[in-house]
Amino acid sequence: MSISTSPDKLPSAEEILEPSPAALLRRRAFRHYGFIIGGSVLAVIVLMALLAPLIAPFDPYDQELTRRFIPPVWHEKGTWTHVFGTDGYGRDYLSRTIYGSQVSLLIGLAAMLISGVIGTTMGVLAGYFGGRVDMVISFFITNRLAMPAILVALAVVAIIGSSMTVVIWTLGLLIWDRFAVVMRSTTQQIRNLDYVAAAEAAGCSVLRLLLTEIMPNVFNALIVVASLEVAHAVLLEAALSFLGLGVQPPTPSWGLMVAEGKGHMYFKPWVISIPGFAIFALVLSINLMGDGIRDITAPENRN
């Protein structure tokens, strides 16, 4: 890059110093509105979950039948003592909503990690080795795709019994297929590129080649799939809890709160709208965050 040295035109700072990769990444992040909105909402929910014991005004398990179905503060009969009102057992709805974020995030992240390890490993191995390895793994993927996740989860939880641990492992062992399909396809595209052939010619071991050449270049796709699967796990947990086969009472779960309030939804709509909006906000923020990270880190957007 040539820089003019004439006295009447001094070089600008941009001409002297090239922006660092971190600066370019920050610039793209601050220009991506979906990433900013999703990240802000998700950060609020994560902080709410981490600080739940400090910010929750009441014990989420504390029942008081004399204060049943107090309406939220925006209702004409509402009170600031119970900002989100109370449920049919007199439990503070704001406190249960705050603690419910812990359950949703824990199950979503744990299930995503379990499914991510399984699906990514299978997909990368199938895409890299091909042949019989690809045939065997594709057989397992096809069989998994033939089984509806929610029906299998319902059957497994009904047989084994419902608890948070069972729900996490059941979902983690059921939603790995998207990781496997995407990683297999992406690895097949990367497998024949020049830098992979150069690493093989240089004598890199298979493990080193997979970790240093393949995995960094499938990271963008992995981030998107991981965000989708966290949101998927949150929705599946809410569905299982709504059907009575997920997190069991009195644990504050958003899906369970919807199930407990469905009988009063016509006359006390806040018992469903509050946890329903919380689920919507969490799922939407995760998807926006994942799409934003994909766009920001994509090689074609690095300018």
Protein backbone atom coordinates (compact mmCIF):
# COMPACT_ATOMS: atom_id res chain seq x y z
CA MET A 1 0.00 0.00 0.00
CA SER A 2 1.53 3.28 -1.09
CA ILE A 3 1.16 6.33 1.14
CA SER A 4 1.39 9.87 -0.22
CA THR A 5 4.12 11.95 1.46
CA SER A 6 3.34 15.33 -0.10
CA PRO A 7 3.20 18.09 2.54
CA ASP A 8 -0.20 19.31 1.41
CA LYS A 9 -1.87 15.92 1.90
CA LEU A 10 -0.94 13.95 4.98
CA PRO A 11 -1.97 10.26 5.19
CA SER A 12 -4.97 9.43 7.30
CA ALA A 13 -4.88 7.03 10.23
CA GLU A 14 -6.80 4.45 8.14
CA GLU A 15 -4.10 4.63 5.46
CA ILE A 16 -1.29 4.11 7.98
CA LEU A 17 -2.83 1.42 10.13
CA GLU A 18 -4.86 -1.45 8.74
CA PRO A 19 -7.80 -2.41 11.00
CA SER A 20 -7.09 -5.46 13.08
CA PRO A 21 -9.30 -8.58 12.71
CA ALA A 22 -10.77 -7.86 16.14
CA ALA A 23 -11.64 -4.30 15.12
CA LEU A 24 -13.29 -5.55 11.93
CA LEU A 25 -15.25 -8.10 13.96
CA ARG A 26 -16.46 -5.39 16.36
CA ARG A 27 -17.43 -3.13 13.49
CA ARG A 28 -19.50 -5.86 11.85
CA ALA A 29 -21.09 -6.76 15.19
CA PHE A 30 -22.22 -3.19 15.91
CA ARG A 31 -23.71 -2.93 12.42
CA HIS A 32 -25.75 -6.13 12.73
CA TYR A 33 -29.07 -5.17 14.31
CA GLY A 34 -30.26 -8.76 14.71
CA PHE A 35 -27.12 -9.63 16.65
CA ILE A 36 -27.48 -6.55 18.87
CA ILE A 37 -31.16 -7.15 19.64
CA GLY A 38 -30.80 -10.89 20.15
CA GLY A 39 -27.66 -10.52 22.21
CA SER A 40 -29.20 -7.85 24.41
CA VAL A 41 -32.34 -9.87 25.14
CA LEU A 42 -30.34 -13.05 25.71
CA ALA A 43 -27.94 -11.21 28.02
CA VAL A 44 -30.89 -9.96 30.10
CA ILE A 45 -32.30 -13.49 30.39
CA VAL A 46 -28.90 -14.98 31.29
CA LEU A 47 -28.31 -12.31 33.95
CA MET A 48 -31.82 -12.91 35.26
CA ALA A 49 -31.05 -16.61 35.60
CA LEU A 50 -27.66 -16.03 37.27
CA LEU A 51 -28.95 -13.39 39.69
CA ALA A 52 -32.28 -15.06 40.43
CA PRO A 53 -31.65 -15.49 44.19
CA LEU A 54 -30.81 -11.78 44.44
CA ILE A 55 -33.51 -10.20 42.28
CA ALA A 56 -36.48 -12.49 42.88
CA PRO A 57 -38.76 -10.70 45.39
CA PHE A 58 -40.24 -13.93 46.82
CA ASP A 59 -39.45 -17.59 47.19
CA PRO A 60 -40.81 -19.22 43.98
CA TYR A 61 -42.04 -22.19 46.03
CA ASP A 62 -43.81 -20.16 48.73
CA GLN A 63 -47.57 -20.85 48.64
CA GLU A 64 -50.24 -18.68 50.20
CA LEU A 65 -53.83 -19.51 49.27
CA THR A 66 -55.11 -16.17 50.58
CA ARG A 67 -53.35 -14.38 47.72
CA ARG A 68 -54.46 -16.64 44.84
CA PHE A 69 -54.71 -15.10 41.37
CA ILE A 70 -53.70 -11.57 42.26
CA PRO A 71 -53.61 -9.79 38.86
CA PRO A 72 -50.39 -8.18 37.55
CA VAL A 73 -49.56 -4.55 38.19
CA TRP A 74 -50.89 -3.30 34.83
CA HIS A 75 -54.32 -4.64 35.74
CA GLU A 76 -56.68 -2.24 37.53
CA LYS A 77 -56.65 -4.50 40.62
CA GLY A 78 -52.94 -5.17 40.46
CA THR A 79 -50.39 -4.33 43.12
CA TRP A 80 -46.68 -3.54 43.07
CA THR A 81 -46.15 -6.17 45.74
CA HIS A 82 -46.67 -8.82 43.08
CA VAL A 83 -45.66 -7.17 39.80
CA PHE A 84 -46.63 -10.16 37.63
CA GLY A 85 -49.43 -11.24 39.96
CA THR A 86 -49.74 -14.71 41.53
CA ASP A 87 -50.84 -18.16 40.35
CA GLY A 88 -53.50 -20.53 41.63
CA TYR A 89 -51.37 -21.46 44.63
CA GLY A 90 -50.58 -17.90 45.61
CA ARG A 91 -46.98 -18.09 44.40
CA ASP A 92 -45.40 -14.90 43.10
CA TYR A 93 -45.37 -15.08 39.30
CA LEU A 94 -42.41 -12.74 38.83
CA SER A 95 -40.25 -14.93 41.05
CA ARG A 96 -41.32 -18.09 39.26
CA THR A 97 -40.67 -16.46 35.89
CA ILE A 98 -37.18 -15.42 36.96
CA TYR A 99 -36.32 -18.87 38.29
CA GLY A 100 -37.91 -20.49 35.24
CA SER A 101 -35.16 -18.95 33.10
CA GLN A 102 -32.65 -21.15 34.94
CA VAL A 103 -34.53 -24.31 33.99
CA SER A 104 -34.93 -23.37 30.33
CA LEU A 105 -31.31 -22.27 29.86
CA LEU A 106 -29.90 -25.26 31.73
CA ILE A 107 -31.92 -27.81 29.76
CA GLY A 108 -31.37 -26.03 26.44
CA LEU A 109 -27.60 -25.69 26.82
CA ALA A 110 -27.04 -29.14 28.31
CA ALA A 111 -29.12 -30.89 25.65
CA MET A 112 -27.35 -28.90 22.92
CA LEU A 113 -23.90 -29.87 24.24
CA ILE A 114 -24.78 -33.57 24.37
CA SER A 115 -26.37 -33.58 20.93
CA GLY A 116 -23.61 -31.37 19.53
CA VAL A 117 -20.83 -33.74 20.57
CA ILE A 118 -22.67 -36.74 19.13
CA GLY A 119 -23.87 -35.13 15.90
CA THR A 120 -20.70 -33.18 15.13
CA THR A 121 -18.49 -36.21 15.64
CA MET A 122 -20.66 -38.39 13.42
CA GLY A 123 -21.05 -35.73 10.73
CA VAL A 124 -17.36 -34.83 10.50
CA LEU A 125 -16.29 -38.48 10.38
CA ALA A 126 -18.87 -39.30 7.71
CA GLY A 127 -17.92 -36.28 5.61
CA TYR A 128 -14.17 -36.81 5.87
CA PHE A 129 -13.83 -40.57 5.44
CA GLY A 130 -16.79 -41.23 3.16
CA GLY A 131 -17.27 -44.78 1.89
CA ARG A 132 -18.48 -47.33 4.41
CA VAL A 133 -18.12 -44.92 7.32
CA ASP A 134 -20.44 -42.48 5.57
CA MET A 135 -22.83 -45.31 4.71
CA VAL A 136 -23.12 -46.51 8.32
CA ILE A 137 -23.51 -43.03 9.78
CA SER A 138 -26.04 -42.05 7.10
CA PHE A 139 -28.04 -45.14 8.06
CA PHE A 140 -28.22 -43.94 11.67
CA ILE A 141 -29.11 -40.40 10.56
CA THR A 142 -31.91 -41.69 8.32
CA ASN A 143 -33.33 -43.82 11.12
CA ARG A 144 -33.22 -40.89 13.51
CA LEU A 145 -34.94 -38.58 11.03
CA ALA A 146 -37.70 -41.18 10.62
CA MET A 147 -38.63 -40.87 14.31
CA PRO A 148 -40.46 -37.71 15.49
CA ALA A 149 -38.42 -36.30 18.37
CA ILE A 150 -41.38 -35.21 20.48
CA LEU A 151 -43.11 -38.62 20.25
CA VAL A 152 -39.94 -40.51 21.13
CA ALA A 153 -39.26 -38.12 24.02
CA LEU A 154 -42.79 -38.61 25.32
CA ALA A 155 -42.43 -42.40 25.18
CA VAL A 156 -39.01 -42.44 26.84
CA VAL A 157 -39.96 -40.04 29.63
CA ALA A 158 -43.23 -41.90 30.24
CA ILE A 159 -41.36 -45.21 30.60
CA ILE A 160 -38.31 -44.07 32.56
CA GLY A 161 -39.93 -41.32 34.61
CA SER A 162 -39.72 -37.56 34.37
CA SER A 163 -37.02 -35.49 36.00
CA MET A 164 -34.71 -32.72 34.84
CA THR A 165 -31.82 -35.17 34.32
CA VAL A 166 -33.98 -37.54 32.29
CA VAL A 167 -35.31 -34.68 30.15
CA ILE A 168 -31.78 -33.38 29.44
CA TRP A 169 -30.40 -36.76 28.39
CA THR A 170 -33.50 -37.68 26.42
CA LEU A 171 -33.39 -34.45 24.42
CA GLY A 172 -29.62 -34.59 24.05
CA LEU A 173 -29.79 -38.10 22.58
CA LEU A 174 -32.63 -37.16 20.23
CA ILE A 175 -31.75 -33.84 18.57
CA TRP A 176 -28.26 -34.62 17.23
CA ASP A 177 -29.45 -35.30 13.67
CA ARG A 178 -29.25 -31.68 12.48
CA PHE A 179 -25.67 -31.43 13.71
CA ALA A 180 -24.79 -34.64 11.85
CA VAL A 181 -26.47 -33.64 8.58
CA VAL A 182 -24.99 -30.14 8.45
CA MET A 183 -21.51 -31.19 9.57
CA ARG A 184 -21.45 -34.06 7.08
CA SER A 185 -22.39 -31.80 4.19
CA THR A 186 -19.99 -29.02 5.22
CA THR A 187 -17.09 -31.43 5.77
CA GLN A 188 -17.65 -33.00 2.34
CA GLN A 189 -17.30 -29.55 0.77
CA ILE A 190 -14.09 -28.79 2.69
CA ARG A 191 -12.58 -32.26 2.31
CA ASN A 192 -11.35 -31.70 -1.27
CA LEU A 193 -10.02 -28.16 -0.86
CA ASP A 194 -6.36 -27.40 -1.49
CA TYR A 195 -5.34 -26.58 2.08
CA VAL A 196 -6.65 -29.94 3.30
CA ALA A 197 -4.69 -31.74 0.59
CA ALA A 198 -1.60 -29.70 1.53
CA ALA A 199 -1.97 -30.68 5.19
CA GLU A 200 -2.28 -34.34 4.22
CA ALA A 201 0.80 -34.07 1.99
CA ALA A 202 2.71 -32.48 4.87
CA GLY A 203 2.06 -35.59 6.95
CA CYS A 204 -0.58 -34.32 9.38
CA SER A 205 -2.33 -37.05 11.32
CA VAL A 206 -6.04 -37.53 10.82
CA LEU A 207 -6.84 -36.21 14.30
CA ARG A 208 -4.72 -33.09 13.84
CA LEU A 209 -6.17 -32.49 10.39
CA LEU A 210 -9.72 -32.75 11.70
CA LEU A 211 -9.03 -30.43 14.64
CA THR A 212 -6.89 -27.81 12.90
CA GLU A 213 -8.13 -27.80 9.29
CA ILE A 214 -11.70 -29.10 9.25
CA MET A 215 -13.27 -27.93 12.52
CA PRO A 216 -12.26 -24.21 12.30
CA ASN A 217 -13.82 -24.03 8.85
CA VAL A 218 -17.14 -25.58 9.86
CA PHE A 219 -17.44 -23.31 12.89
CA ASN A 220 -19.91 -20.90 11.27
CA ALA A 221 -22.33 -23.69 10.39
CA LEU A 222 -21.82 -25.23 13.82
CA ILE A 223 -22.76 -21.98 15.57
CA VAL A 224 -25.99 -21.68 13.60
CA VAL A 225 -26.99 -25.29 14.26
CA ALA A 226 -26.11 -24.97 17.96
CA SER A 227 -28.31 -21.89 18.35
CA LEU A 228 -31.19 -23.64 16.58
CA GLU A 229 -30.83 -26.71 18.77
CA VAL A 230 -30.78 -24.70 22.01
CA ALA A 231 -34.04 -23.08 20.93
CA HIS A 232 -35.37 -26.49 19.82
CA ALA A 233 -34.52 -28.03 23.20
CA VAL A 234 -36.20 -25.14 25.04
CA LEU A 235 -39.39 -25.65 23.04
CA LEU A 236 -39.32 -29.43 23.51
CA GLU A 237 -38.83 -29.04 27.26
CA ALA A 238 -41.74 -26.61 27.40
CA ALA A 239 -43.90 -29.05 25.42
CA LEU A 240 -42.98 -31.98 27.68
CA SER A 241 -43.62 -29.92 30.81
CA PHE A 242 -46.93 -28.73 29.37
CA LEU A 243 -47.96 -32.36 28.86
CA GLY A 244 -46.91 -33.27 32.39
CA LEU A 245 -43.91 -35.39 31.36
CA GLY A 246 -41.15 -32.83 31.68
CA VAL A 247 -39.98 -30.90 34.71
CA GLN A 248 -42.23 -31.82 37.60
CA PRO A 249 -44.03 -29.47 40.00
CA PRO A 250 -43.30 -27.42 42.00
CA THR A 251 -40.15 -26.65 39.96
CA PRO A 252 -40.62 -23.25 38.25
CA SER A 253 -40.60 -24.14 34.54
CA TRP A 254 -42.13 -21.89 31.90
CA GLY A 255 -43.79 -24.82 30.15
CA LEU A 256 -45.14 -26.10 33.45
CA MET A 257 -46.45 -22.62 34.29
CA VAL A 258 -48.38 -22.61 31.01
CA ALA A 259 -49.77 -26.07 31.80
CA GLU A 260 -50.84 -25.03 35.29
CA GLY A 261 -52.59 -21.92 33.98
CA LYS A 262 -54.33 -23.36 30.93
CA GLY A 263 -57.54 -23.94 32.88
CA HIS A 264 -57.76 -20.23 33.76
CA MET A 265 -56.59 -18.71 30.48
CA TYR A 266 -59.93 -17.12 29.54
CA PHE A 267 -60.47 -15.17 32.74
CA LYS A 268 -56.86 -14.81 33.98
CA PRO A 269 -54.84 -14.65 30.76
CA TRP A 270 -51.61 -13.49 32.43
CA VAL A 271 -51.01 -16.99 33.83
CA ILE A 272 -50.31 -18.15 30.24
CA SER A 273 -49.23 -14.96 28.47
CA ILE A 274 -46.30 -14.21 30.83
CA PRO A 275 -44.49 -17.58 30.60
CA GLY A 276 -45.49 -17.84 26.93
CA PHE A 277 -43.88 -14.49 26.15
CA ALA A 278 -40.78 -15.54 28.14
CA ILE A 279 -40.41 -18.67 25.98
CA PHE A 280 -40.94 -16.60 22.83
CA ALA A 281 -38.32 -14.01 23.88
CA LEU A 282 -35.72 -16.65 24.75
CA VAL A 283 -36.16 -18.64 21.53
CA LEU A 284 -36.20 -15.52 19.34
CA SER A 285 -33.10 -14.04 21.00
CA ILE A 286 -31.15 -17.30 20.60
CA ASN A 287 -32.03 -17.51 16.90
CA LEU A 288 -31.14 -13.85 16.28
CA MET A 289 -27.88 -14.30 18.15
CA GLY A 290 -26.95 -17.41 16.17
CA ASP A 291 -27.76 -15.80 12.82
CA GLY A 292 -25.79 -12.73 13.82
CA ILE A 293 -22.70 -14.71 14.78
CA ARG A 294 -22.90 -16.60 11.48
CA ASP A 295 -23.10 -13.37 9.48
CA ILE A 296 -20.36 -11.65 11.45
CA THR A 297 -17.84 -14.49 11.25
CA ALA A 298 -18.64 -15.65 7.70
CA PRO A 299 -15.57 -15.36 5.45
CA GLU A 300 -17.56 -13.73 2.63
CA ASN A 301 -18.52 -10.88 4.97
CA ARG A 302 -14.98 -10.04 6.04
CA ASN A 303 -14.45 -6.66 4.50
